[in-house]
Amino acid sequence: SITPGGSTNYADSVKGRFTISRDNAKNTVYLQMNSLKSEDTAVYYC
């Protein structure tokens, strides 16, 4: 999760691998997922 000011919170299972960011001007949030594992397989919901 990410606040309007950019403060982030991550599940322990994805720390160091995933990065959340947002562009407030575009009302858009992103999730960069690196070093993906089979355990990451899921439906992801914004």
ModelCIF file with pLDDT and N, C-alpha, C, O atoms, coordinates in Angstrom:
data_MODEL
#
_entry.id   MODEL 
#
_entity.id                         1 
_entity.type                       polymer 
_entity.pdbx_number_of_molecules   1 
#
_entity_poly.entity_id                      1 
_entity_poly.type                           'polypeptide(L)' 
_entity_poly.nstd_linkage                   no 
_entity_poly.nstd_monomer                   no 
_entity_poly.pdbx_seq_one_letter_code       SITPGGSTNYADSVKGRFTISRDNAKNTVYLQMNSLKSEDTAVYYC 
_entity_poly.pdbx_seq_one_letter_code_can   SITPGGSTNYADSVKGRFTISRDNAKNTVYLQMNSLKSEDTAVYYC 
_entity_poly.pdbx_strand_id                 A 
#
loop_
_entity_poly_seq.entity_id 
_entity_poly_seq.num 
_entity_poly_seq.mon_id 
_entity_poly_seq.hetero 
1 1  SER n 
1 2  ILE n 
1 3  THR n 
1 4  PRO n 
1 5  GLY n 
1 6  GLY n 
1 7  SER n 
1 8  THR n 
1 9  ASN n 
1 10 TYR n 
1 11 ALA n 
1 12 ASP n 
1 13 SER n 
1 14 VAL n 
1 15 LYS n 
1 16 GLY n 
1 17 ARG n 
1 18 PHE n 
1 19 THR n 
1 20 ILE n 
1 21 SER n 
1 22 ARG n 
1 23 ASP n 
1 24 ASN n 
1 25 ALA n 
1 26 LYS n 
1 27 ASN n 
1 28 THR n 
1 29 VAL n 
1 30 TYR n 
1 31 LEU n 
1 32 GLN n 
1 33 MET n 
1 34 ASN n 
1 35 SER n 
1 36 LEU n 
1 37 LYS n 
1 38 SER n 
1 39 GLU n 
1 40 ASP n 
1 41 THR n 
1 42 ALA n 
1 43 VAL n 
1 44 TYR n 
1 45 TYR n 
1 46 CYS n 
#
_struct_asym.id          A 
_struct_asym.entity_id   1 
#
loop_
_ma_qa_metric.id 
_ma_qa_metric.mode 
_ma_qa_metric.name 
_ma_qa_metric.software_group_id 
_ma_qa_metric.type 
1 global pLDDT . pLDDT 
2 local  pLDDT . pLDDT 
#
_ma_qa_metric_global.metric_id      1 
_ma_qa_metric_global.metric_value   97.17 
_ma_qa_metric_global.model_id       1 
_ma_qa_metric_global.ordinal_id     1 
#
loop_
_ma_qa_metric_local.label_asym_id 
_ma_qa_metric_local.label_comp_id 
_ma_qa_metric_local.label_seq_id 
_ma_qa_metric_local.metric_id 
_ma_qa_metric_local.metric_value 
_ma_qa_metric_local.model_id 
_ma_qa_metric_local.ordinal_id 
A SER 1  2 98.00 1 1  
A ILE 2  2 98.00 1 2  
A THR 3  2 97.00 1 3  
A PRO 4  2 94.00 1 4  
A GLY 5  2 94.00 1 5  
A GLY 6  2 95.00 1 6  
A SER 7  2 98.00 1 7  
A THR 8  2 98.00 1 8  
A ASN 9  2 98.00 1 9  
A TYR 10 2 98.00 1 10 
A ALA 11 2 98.00 1 11 
A ASP 12 2 98.00 1 12 
A SER 13 2 98.00 1 13 
A VAL 14 2 98.00 1 14 
A LYS 15 2 98.00 1 15 
A GLY 16 2 98.00 1 16 
A ARG 17 2 98.00 1 17 
A PHE 18 2 98.00 1 18 
A THR 19 2 98.00 1 19 
A ILE 20 2 98.00 1 20 
A SER 21 2 98.00 1 21 
A ARG 22 2 97.00 1 22 
A ASP 23 2 95.00 1 23 
A ASN 24 2 93.00 1 24 
A ALA 25 2 93.00 1 25 
A LYS 26 2 94.00 1 26 
A ASN 27 2 95.00 1 27 
A THR 28 2 97.00 1 28 
A VAL 29 2 97.00 1 29 
A TYR 30 2 98.00 1 30 
A LEU 31 2 98.00 1 31 
A GLN 32 2 98.00 1 32 
A MET 33 2 98.00 1 33 
A ASN 34 2 98.00 1 34 
A SER 35 2 98.00 1 35 
A LEU 36 2 98.00 1 36 
A LYS 37 2 98.00 1 37 
A SER 38 2 97.00 1 38 
A GLU 39 2 96.00 1 39 
A ASP 40 2 98.00 1 40 
A THR 41 2 98.00 1 41 
A ALA 42 2 98.00 1 42 
A VAL 43 2 98.00 1 43 
A TYR 44 2 98.00 1 44 
A TYR 45 2 98.00 1 45 
A CYS 46 2 98.00 1 46 
#
loop_
_atom_site.group_PDB 
_atom_site.id 
_atom_site.type_symbol 
_atom_site.label_atom_id 
_atom_site.label_alt_id 
_atom_site.label_comp_id 
_atom_site.label_asym_id 
_atom_site.label_entity_id 
_atom_site.label_seq_id 
_atom_site.pdbx_PDB_ins_code 
_atom_site.Cartn_x 
_atom_site.Cartn_y 
_atom_site.Cartn_z 
_atom_site.occupancy 
_atom_site.B_iso_or_equiv 
_atom_site.pdbx_formal_charge 
_atom_site.auth_seq_id 
_atom_site.auth_comp_id 
_atom_site.auth_asym_id 
_atom_site.auth_atom_id 
_atom_site.pdbx_PDB_model_num 
ATOM 1   N N  . SER A 1 1  ? 0.842  -1.185  0.000   1.00 98.00 ? 1  SER A N  1 
ATOM 2   C CA . SER A 1 1  ? 0.000  0.000   0.000   1.00 98.00 ? 1  SER A CA 1 
ATOM 3   C C  . SER A 1 1  ? 0.876  1.232   0.000   1.00 98.00 ? 1  SER A C  1 
ATOM 4   O O  . SER A 1 1  ? 2.053  1.178   0.356   1.00 98.00 ? 1  SER A O  1 
ATOM 5   N N  . ILE A 1 2  ? 0.287  2.342   -0.403  1.00 98.00 ? 2  ILE A N  1 
ATOM 6   C CA . ILE A 1 2  ? 1.039  3.584   -0.482  1.00 98.00 ? 2  ILE A CA 1 
ATOM 7   C C  . ILE A 1 2  ? 0.117  4.758   -0.204  1.00 98.00 ? 2  ILE A C  1 
ATOM 8   O O  . ILE A 1 2  ? -1.006 4.814   -0.704  1.00 98.00 ? 2  ILE A O  1 
ATOM 9   N N  . THR A 1 3  ? 0.600  5.688   0.595   1.00 97.00 ? 3  THR A N  1 
ATOM 10  C CA . THR A 1 3  ? -0.158 6.880   0.924   1.00 97.00 ? 3  THR A CA 1 
ATOM 11  C C  . THR A 1 3  ? 0.046  7.941   -0.144  1.00 97.00 ? 3  THR A C  1 
ATOM 12  O O  . THR A 1 3  ? 0.942  7.811   -0.979  1.00 97.00 ? 3  THR A O  1 
ATOM 13  N N  . PRO A 1 4  ? -0.773 8.995   -0.134  1.00 94.00 ? 4  PRO A N  1 
ATOM 14  C CA . PRO A 1 4  ? -0.564 10.079  -1.094  1.00 94.00 ? 4  PRO A CA 1 
ATOM 15  C C  . PRO A 1 4  ? 0.827  10.689  -1.020  1.00 94.00 ? 4  PRO A C  1 
ATOM 16  O O  . PRO A 1 4  ? 1.363  11.144  -2.031  1.00 94.00 ? 4  PRO A O  1 
ATOM 17  N N  . GLY A 1 5  ? 1.410  10.698  0.168   1.00 94.00 ? 5  GLY A N  1 
ATOM 18  C CA . GLY A 1 5  ? 2.743  11.256  0.337   1.00 94.00 ? 5  GLY A CA 1 
ATOM 19  C C  . GLY A 1 5  ? 3.870  10.316  -0.009  1.00 94.00 ? 5  GLY A C  1 
ATOM 20  O O  . GLY A 1 5  ? 5.035  10.711  0.006   1.00 94.00 ? 5  GLY A O  1 
ATOM 21  N N  . GLY A 1 6  ? 3.539  9.063   -0.325  1.00 95.00 ? 6  GLY A N  1 
ATOM 22  C CA . GLY A 1 6  ? 4.556  8.120   -0.750  1.00 95.00 ? 6  GLY A CA 1 
ATOM 23  C C  . GLY A 1 6  ? 5.029  7.137   0.300   1.00 95.00 ? 6  GLY A C  1 
ATOM 24  O O  . GLY A 1 6  ? 5.948  6.362   0.034   1.00 95.00 ? 6  GLY A O  1 
ATOM 25  N N  . SER A 1 7  ? 4.438  7.141   1.478   1.00 98.00 ? 7  SER A N  1 
ATOM 26  C CA . SER A 1 7  ? 4.800  6.152   2.485   1.00 98.00 ? 7  SER A CA 1 
ATOM 27  C C  . SER A 1 7  ? 4.266  4.792   2.070   1.00 98.00 ? 7  SER A C  1 
ATOM 28  O O  . SER A 1 7  ? 3.117  4.673   1.645   1.00 98.00 ? 7  SER A O  1 
ATOM 29  N N  . THR A 1 8  ? 5.097  3.772   2.192   1.00 98.00 ? 8  THR A N  1 
ATOM 30  C CA . THR A 1 8  ? 4.734  2.449   1.698   1.00 98.00 ? 8  THR A CA 1 
ATOM 31  C C  . THR A 1 8  ? 4.696  1.410   2.799   1.00 98.00 ? 8  THR A C  1 
ATOM 32  O O  . THR A 1 8  ? 5.309  1.564   3.855   1.00 98.00 ? 8  THR A O  1 
ATOM 33  N N  . ASN A 1 9  ? 3.967  0.359   2.525   1.00 98.00 ? 9  ASN A N  1 
ATOM 34  C CA . ASN A 1 9  ? 3.871  -0.781  3.410   1.00 98.00 ? 9  ASN A CA 1 
ATOM 35  C C  . ASN A 1 9  ? 3.827  -2.033  2.549   1.00 98.00 ? 9  ASN A C  1 
ATOM 36  O O  . ASN A 1 9  ? 3.104  -2.084  1.554   1.00 98.00 ? 9  ASN A O  1 
ATOM 37  N N  . TYR A 1 10 ? 4.602  -3.044  2.933   1.00 98.00 ? 10 TYR A N  1 
ATOM 38  C CA . TYR A 1 10 ? 4.685  -4.272  2.158   1.00 98.00 ? 10 TYR A CA 1 
ATOM 39  C C  . TYR A 1 10 ? 4.456  -5.490  3.026   1.00 98.00 ? 10 TYR A C  1 
ATOM 40  O O  . TYR A 1 10 ? 4.802  -5.508  4.207   1.00 98.00 ? 10 TYR A O  1 
ATOM 41  N N  . ALA A 1 11 ? 3.871  -6.499  2.424   1.00 98.00 ? 11 ALA A N  1 
ATOM 42  C CA . ALA A 1 11 ? 3.830  -7.799  3.063   1.00 98.00 ? 11 ALA A CA 1 
ATOM 43  C C  . ALA A 1 11 ? 5.247  -8.338  3.166   1.00 98.00 ? 11 ALA A C  1 
ATOM 44  O O  . ALA A 1 11 ? 6.071  -8.106  2.282   1.00 98.00 ? 11 ALA A O  1 
ATOM 45  N N  . ASP A 1 12 ? 5.528  -9.055  4.239   1.00 98.00 ? 12 ASP A N  1 
ATOM 46  C CA . ASP A 1 12 ? 6.868  -9.591  4.428   1.00 98.00 ? 12 ASP A CA 1 
ATOM 47  C C  . ASP A 1 12 ? 7.305  -10.471 3.259   1.00 98.00 ? 12 ASP A C  1 
ATOM 48  O O  . ASP A 1 12 ? 8.486  -10.512 2.913   1.00 98.00 ? 12 ASP A O  1 
ATOM 49  N N  . SER A 1 13 ? 6.369  -11.161 2.668   1.00 98.00 ? 13 SER A N  1 
ATOM 50  C CA . SER A 1 13 ? 6.689  -12.093 1.600   1.00 98.00 ? 13 SER A CA 1 
ATOM 51  C C  . SER A 1 13 ? 7.184  -11.425 0.322   1.00 98.00 ? 13 SER A C  1 
ATOM 52  O O  . SER A 1 13 ? 7.778  -12.087 -0.530  1.00 98.00 ? 13 SER A O  1 
ATOM 53  N N  . VAL A 1 14 ? 6.949  -10.126 0.178   1.00 98.00 ? 14 VAL A N  1 
ATOM 54  C CA . VAL A 1 14 ? 7.345  -9.443  -1.054  1.00 98.00 ? 14 VAL A CA 1 
ATOM 55  C C  . VAL A 1 14 ? 8.382  -8.355  -0.829  1.00 98.00 ? 14 VAL A C  1 
ATOM 56  O O  . VAL A 1 14 ? 8.848  -7.740  -1.789  1.00 98.00 ? 14 VAL A O  1 
ATOM 57  N N  . LYS A 1 15 ? 8.745  -8.110  0.404   1.00 98.00 ? 15 LYS A N  1 
ATOM 58  C CA . LYS A 1 15 ? 9.732  -7.073  0.695   1.00 98.00 ? 15 LYS A CA 1 
ATOM 59  C C  . LYS A 1 15 ? 11.043 -7.359  -0.020  1.00 98.00 ? 15 LYS A C  1 
ATOM 60  O O  . LYS A 1 15 ? 11.547 -8.483  -0.010  1.00 98.00 ? 15 LYS A O  1 
ATOM 61  N N  . GLY A 1 16 ? 11.574 -6.332  -0.631  1.00 98.00 ? 16 GLY A N  1 
ATOM 62  C CA . GLY A 1 16 ? 12.816 -6.470  -1.367  1.00 98.00 ? 16 GLY A CA 1 
ATOM 63  C C  . GLY A 1 16 ? 12.636 -6.900  -2.799  1.00 98.00 ? 16 GLY A C  1 
ATOM 64  O O  . GLY A 1 16 ? 13.575 -6.815  -3.591  1.00 98.00 ? 16 GLY A O  1 
ATOM 65  N N  . ARG A 1 17 ? 11.450 -7.360  -3.152  1.00 98.00 ? 17 ARG A N  1 
ATOM 66  C CA . ARG A 1 17 ? 11.180 -7.819  -4.512  1.00 98.00 ? 17 ARG A CA 1 
ATOM 67  C C  . ARG A 1 17 ? 10.164 -6.945  -5.240  1.00 98.00 ? 17 ARG A C  1 
ATOM 68  O O  . ARG A 1 17 ? 10.277 -6.721  -6.445  1.00 98.00 ? 17 ARG A O  1 
ATOM 69  N N  . PHE A 1 18 ? 9.181  -6.459  -4.508  1.00 98.00 ? 18 PHE A N  1 
ATOM 70  C CA . PHE A 1 18 ? 8.126  -5.643  -5.105  1.00 98.00 ? 18 PHE A CA 1 
ATOM 71  C C  . PHE A 1 18 ? 8.296  -4.188  -4.698  1.00 98.00 ? 18 PHE A C  1 
ATOM 72  O O  . PHE A 1 18 ? 8.781  -3.887  -3.607  1.00 98.00 ? 18 PHE A O  1 
ATOM 73  N N  . THR A 1 19 ? 7.897  -3.305  -5.573  1.00 98.00 ? 19 THR A N  1 
ATOM 74  C CA . THR A 1 19 ? 7.921  -1.881  -5.287  1.00 98.00 ? 19 THR A CA 1 
ATOM 75  C C  . THR A 1 19 ? 6.605  -1.254  -5.722  1.00 98.00 ? 19 THR A C  1 
ATOM 76  O O  . THR A 1 19 ? 6.201  -1.372  -6.879  1.00 98.00 ? 19 THR A O  1 
ATOM 77  N N  . ILE A 1 20 ? 5.944  -0.589  -4.790  1.00 98.00 ? 20 ILE A N  1 
ATOM 78  C CA . ILE A 1 20 ? 4.717  0.111   -5.118  1.00 98.00 ? 20 ILE A CA 1 
ATOM 79  C C  . ILE A 1 20 ? 5.025  1.594   -5.283  1.00 98.00 ? 20 ILE A C  1 
ATOM 80  O O  . ILE A 1 20 ? 5.848  2.148   -4.555  1.00 98.00 ? 20 ILE A O  1 
ATOM 81  N N  . SER A 1 21 ? 4.375  2.219   -6.224  1.00 98.00 ? 21 SER A N  1 
ATOM 82  C CA . SER A 1 21 ? 4.548  3.640   -6.455  1.00 98.00 ? 21 SER A CA 1 
ATOM 83  C C  . SER A 1 21 ? 3.243  4.213   -6.975  1.00 98.00 ? 21 SER A C  1 
ATOM 84  O O  . SER A 1 21 ? 2.333  3.475   -7.354  1.00 98.00 ? 21 SER A O  1 
ATOM 85  N N  . ARG A 1 22 ? 3.159  5.528   -6.990  1.00 97.00 ? 22 ARG A N  1 
ATOM 86  C CA . ARG A 1 22 ? 1.941  6.153   -7.503  1.00 97.00 ? 22 ARG A CA 1 
ATOM 87  C C  . ARG A 1 22 ? 2.269  7.476   -8.173  1.00 97.00 ? 22 ARG A C  1 
ATOM 88  O O  . ARG A 1 22 ? 3.258  8.135   -7.852  1.00 97.00 ? 22 ARG A O  1 
ATOM 89  N N  . ASP A 1 23 ? 1.424  7.836   -9.096  1.00 95.00 ? 23 ASP A N  1 
ATOM 90  C CA . ASP A 1 23 ? 1.501  9.113   -9.774  1.00 95.00 ? 23 ASP A CA 1 
ATOM 91  C C  . ASP A 1 23 ? 0.191  9.816   -9.470  1.00 95.00 ? 23 ASP A C  1 
ATOM 92  O O  . ASP A 1 23 ? -0.836 9.533   -10.088 1.00 95.00 ? 23 ASP A O  1 
ATOM 93  N N  . ASN A 1 24 ? 0.232  10.727  -8.525  1.00 93.00 ? 24 ASN A N  1 
ATOM 94  C CA . ASN A 1 24 ? -0.990 11.384  -8.086  1.00 93.00 ? 24 ASN A CA 1 
ATOM 95  C C  . ASN A 1 24 ? -1.647 12.201  -9.198  1.00 93.00 ? 24 ASN A C  1 
ATOM 96  O O  . ASN A 1 24 ? -2.872 12.306  -9.263  1.00 93.00 ? 24 ASN A O  1 
ATOM 97  N N  . ALA A 1 25 ? -0.829 12.769  -10.062 1.00 93.00 ? 25 ALA A N  1 
ATOM 98  C CA . ALA A 1 25 ? -1.376 13.561  -11.161 1.00 93.00 ? 25 ALA A CA 1 
ATOM 99  C C  . ALA A 1 25 ? -2.167 12.701  -12.138 1.00 93.00 ? 25 ALA A C  1 
ATOM 100 O O  . ALA A 1 25 ? -3.100 13.180  -12.782 1.00 93.00 ? 25 ALA A O  1 
ATOM 101 N N  . LYS A 1 26 ? -1.792 11.435  -12.245 1.00 94.00 ? 26 LYS A N  1 
ATOM 102 C CA . LYS A 1 26 ? -2.469 10.517  -13.152 1.00 94.00 ? 26 LYS A CA 1 
ATOM 103 C C  . LYS A 1 26 ? -3.448 9.597   -12.442 1.00 94.00 ? 26 LYS A C  1 
ATOM 104 O O  . LYS A 1 26 ? -4.084 8.753   -13.074 1.00 94.00 ? 26 LYS A O  1 
ATOM 105 N N  . ASN A 1 27 ? -3.570 9.760   -11.132 1.00 95.00 ? 27 ASN A N  1 
ATOM 106 C CA . ASN A 1 27 ? -4.445 8.896   -10.333 1.00 95.00 ? 27 ASN A CA 1 
ATOM 107 C C  . ASN A 1 27 ? -4.138 7.420   -10.576 1.00 95.00 ? 27 ASN A C  1 
ATOM 108 O O  . ASN A 1 27 ? -5.038 6.594   -10.722 1.00 95.00 ? 27 ASN A O  1 
ATOM 109 N N  . THR A 1 28 ? -2.868 7.121   -10.615 1.00 97.00 ? 28 THR A N  1 
ATOM 110 C CA . THR A 1 28 ? -2.425 5.785   -10.974 1.00 97.00 ? 28 THR A CA 1 
ATOM 111 C C  . THR A 1 28 ? -1.472 5.219   -9.931  1.00 97.00 ? 28 THR A C  1 
ATOM 112 O O  . THR A 1 28 ? -0.618 5.931   -9.401  1.00 97.00 ? 28 THR A O  1 
ATOM 113 N N  . VAL A 1 29 ? -1.626 3.942   -9.645  1.00 97.00 ? 29 VAL A N  1 
ATOM 114 C CA . VAL A 1 29 ? -0.729 3.234   -8.757  1.00 97.00 ? 29 VAL A CA 1 
ATOM 115 C C  . VAL A 1 29 ? -0.098 2.088   -9.532  1.00 97.00 ? 29 VAL A C  1 
ATOM 116 O O  . VAL A 1 29 ? -0.745 1.468   -10.377 1.00 97.00 ? 29 VAL A O  1 
ATOM 117 N N  . TYR A 1 30 ? 1.162  1.810   -9.240  1.00 98.00 ? 30 TYR A N  1 
ATOM 118 C CA . TYR A 1 30 ? 1.902  0.775   -9.932  1.00 98.00 ? 30 TYR A CA 1 
ATOM 119 C C  . TYR A 1 30 ? 2.443  -0.245  -8.934  1.00 98.00 ? 30 TYR A C  1 
ATOM 120 O O  . TYR A 1 30 ? 2.630  0.055   -7.754  1.00 98.00 ? 30 TYR A O  1 
ATOM 121 N N  . LEU A 1 31 ? 2.684  -1.425  -9.419  1.00 98.00 ? 31 LEU A N  1 
ATOM 122 C CA . LEU A 1 31 ? 3.360  -2.441  -8.635  1.00 98.00 ? 31 LEU A CA 1 
ATOM 123 C C  . LEU A 1 31 ? 4.402  -3.097  -9.517  1.00 98.00 ? 31 LEU A C  1 
ATOM 124 O O  . LEU A 1 31 ? 4.073  -3.866  -10.420 1.00 98.00 ? 31 LEU A O  1 
ATOM 125 N N  . GLN A 1 32 ? 5.657  -2.788  -9.250  1.00 98.00 ? 32 GLN A N  1 
ATOM 126 C CA . GLN A 1 32 ? 6.761  -3.422  -9.950  1.00 98.00 ? 32 GLN A CA 1 
ATOM 127 C C  . GLN A 1 32 ? 7.115  -4.696  -9.207  1.00 98.00 ? 32 GLN A C  1 
ATOM 128 O O  . GLN A 1 32 ? 7.466  -4.656  -8.028  1.00 98.00 ? 32 GLN A O  1 
ATOM 129 N N  . MET A 1 33 ? 7.026  -5.818  -9.886  1.00 98.00 ? 33 MET A N  1 
ATOM 130 C CA . MET A 1 33 ? 7.264  -7.110  -9.277  1.00 98.00 ? 33 MET A CA 1 
ATOM 131 C C  . MET A 1 33 ? 8.489  -7.738  -9.917  1.00 98.00 ? 33 MET A C  1 
ATOM 132 O O  . MET A 1 33 ? 8.487  -8.055  -11.107 1.00 98.00 ? 33 MET A O  1 
ATOM 133 N N  . ASN A 1 34 ? 9.524  -7.914  -9.128  1.00 98.00 ? 34 ASN A N  1 
ATOM 134 C CA . ASN A 1 34 ? 10.762 -8.515  -9.588  1.00 98.00 ? 34 ASN A CA 1 
ATOM 135 C C  . ASN A 1 34 ? 11.000 -9.834  -8.868  1.00 98.00 ? 34 ASN A C  1 
ATOM 136 O O  . ASN A 1 34 ? 10.391 -10.121 -7.837  1.00 98.00 ? 34 ASN A O  1 
ATOM 137 N N  . SER A 1 35 ? 11.893 -10.622 -9.433  1.00 98.00 ? 35 SER A N  1 
ATOM 138 C CA . SER A 1 35 ? 12.254 -11.912 -8.838  1.00 98.00 ? 35 SER A CA 1 
ATOM 139 C C  . SER A 1 35 ? 11.025 -12.720 -8.470  1.00 98.00 ? 35 SER A C  1 
ATOM 140 O O  . SER A 1 35 ? 10.915 -13.236 -7.358  1.00 98.00 ? 35 SER A O  1 
ATOM 141 N N  . LEU A 1 36 ? 10.118 -12.823 -9.400  1.00 98.00 ? 36 LEU A N  1 
ATOM 142 C CA . LEU A 1 36 ? 8.849  -13.486 -9.133  1.00 98.00 ? 36 LEU A CA 1 
ATOM 143 C C  . LEU A 1 36 ? 9.031  -14.969 -8.836  1.00 98.00 ? 36 LEU A C  1 
ATOM 144 O O  . LEU A 1 36 ? 9.877  -15.648 -9.417  1.00 98.00 ? 36 LEU A O  1 
ATOM 145 N N  . LYS A 1 37 ? 8.215  -15.436 -7.918  1.00 98.00 ? 37 LYS A N  1 
ATOM 146 C CA . LYS A 1 37 ? 8.220  -16.831 -7.502  1.00 98.00 ? 37 LYS A CA 1 
ATOM 147 C C  . LYS A 1 37 ? 6.870  -17.454 -7.807  1.00 98.00 ? 37 LYS A C  1 
ATOM 148 O O  . LYS A 1 37 ? 5.882  -16.749 -8.012  1.00 98.00 ? 37 LYS A O  1 
ATOM 149 N N  . SER A 1 38 ? 6.835  -18.765 -7.836  1.00 97.00 ? 38 SER A N  1 
ATOM 150 C CA . SER A 1 38 ? 5.579  -19.455 -8.077  1.00 97.00 ? 38 SER A CA 1 
ATOM 151 C C  . SER A 1 38 ? 4.541  -19.102 -7.012  1.00 97.00 ? 38 SER A C  1 
ATOM 152 O O  . SER A 1 38 ? 3.342  -19.085 -7.290  1.00 97.00 ? 38 SER A O  1 
ATOM 153 N N  . GLU A 1 39 ? 4.998  -18.825 -5.809  1.00 96.00 ? 39 GLU A N  1 
ATOM 154 C CA . GLU A 1 39 ? 4.099  -18.451 -4.723  1.00 96.00 ? 39 GLU A CA 1 
ATOM 155 C C  . GLU A 1 39 ? 3.400  -17.117 -4.965  1.00 96.00 ? 39 GLU A C  1 
ATOM 156 O O  . GLU A 1 39 ? 2.424  -16.798 -4.286  1.00 96.00 ? 39 GLU A O  1 
ATOM 157 N N  . ASP A 1 40 ? 3.886  -16.340 -5.920  1.00 98.00 ? 40 ASP A N  1 
ATOM 158 C CA . ASP A 1 40 ? 3.270  -15.065 -6.242  1.00 98.00 ? 40 ASP A CA 1 
ATOM 159 C C  . ASP A 1 40 ? 2.073  -15.215 -7.174  1.00 98.00 ? 40 ASP A C  1 
ATOM 160 O O  . ASP A 1 40 ? 1.354  -14.248 -7.427  1.00 98.00 ? 40 ASP A O  1 
ATOM 161 N N  . THR A 1 41 ? 1.862  -16.408 -7.677  1.00 98.00 ? 41 THR A N  1 
ATOM 162 C CA . THR A 1 41 ? 0.740  -16.646 -8.574  1.00 98.00 ? 41 THR A CA 1 
ATOM 163 C C  . THR A 1 41 ? -0.576 -16.367 -7.854  1.00 98.00 ? 41 THR A C  1 
ATOM 164 O O  . THR A 1 41 ? -0.861 -16.957 -6.812  1.00 98.00 ? 41 THR A O  1 
ATOM 165 N N  . ALA A 1 42 ? -1.363 -15.473 -8.411  1.00 98.00 ? 42 ALA A N  1 
ATOM 166 C CA . ALA A 1 42 ? -2.619 -15.071 -7.796  1.00 98.00 ? 42 ALA A CA 1 
ATOM 167 C C  . ALA A 1 42 ? -3.324 -14.083 -8.709  1.00 98.00 ? 42 ALA A C  1 
ATOM 168 O O  . ALA A 1 42 ? -2.765 -13.617 -9.702  1.00 98.00 ? 42 ALA A O  1 
ATOM 169 N N  . VAL A 1 43 ? -4.551 -13.777 -8.357  1.00 98.00 ? 43 VAL A N  1 
ATOM 170 C CA . VAL A 1 43 ? -5.235 -12.651 -8.968  1.00 98.00 ? 43 VAL A CA 1 
ATOM 171 C C  . VAL A 1 43 ? -4.903 -11.426 -8.133  1.00 98.00 ? 43 VAL A C  1 
ATOM 172 O O  . VAL A 1 43 ? -5.103 -11.421 -6.919  1.00 98.00 ? 43 VAL A O  1 
ATOM 173 N N  . TYR A 1 44 ? -4.403 -10.407 -8.775  1.00 98.00 ? 44 TYR A N  1 
ATOM 174 C CA . TYR A 1 44 ? -4.017 -9.187  -8.089  1.00 98.00 ? 44 TYR A CA 1 
ATOM 175 C C  . TYR A 1 44 ? -5.088 -8.121  -8.275  1.00 98.00 ? 44 TYR A C  1 
ATOM 176 O O  . TYR A 1 44 ? -5.531 -7.846  -9.391  1.00 98.00 ? 44 TYR A O  1 
ATOM 177 N N  . TYR A 1 45 ? -5.489 -7.532  -7.166  1.00 98.00 ? 45 TYR A N  1 
ATOM 178 C CA . TYR A 1 45 ? -6.551 -6.540  -7.166  1.00 98.00 ? 45 TYR A CA 1 
ATOM 179 C C  . TYR A 1 45 ? -6.024 -5.185  -6.721  1.00 98.00 ? 45 TYR A C  1 
ATOM 180 O O  . TYR A 1 45 ? -5.345 -5.072  -5.700  1.00 98.00 ? 45 TYR A O  1 
ATOM 181 N N  . CYS A 1 46 ? -6.337 -4.185  -7.482  1.00 98.00 ? 46 CYS A N  1 
ATOM 182 C CA . CYS A 1 46 ? -6.054 -2.820  -7.084  1.00 98.00 ? 46 CYS A CA 1 
ATOM 183 C C  . CYS A 1 46 ? -7.123 -2.346  -6.112  1.00 98.00 ? 46 CYS A C  1 
ATOM 184 O O  . CYS A 1 46 ? -7.073 -1.207  -5.648  1.00 98.00 ? 46 CYS A O  1 
#
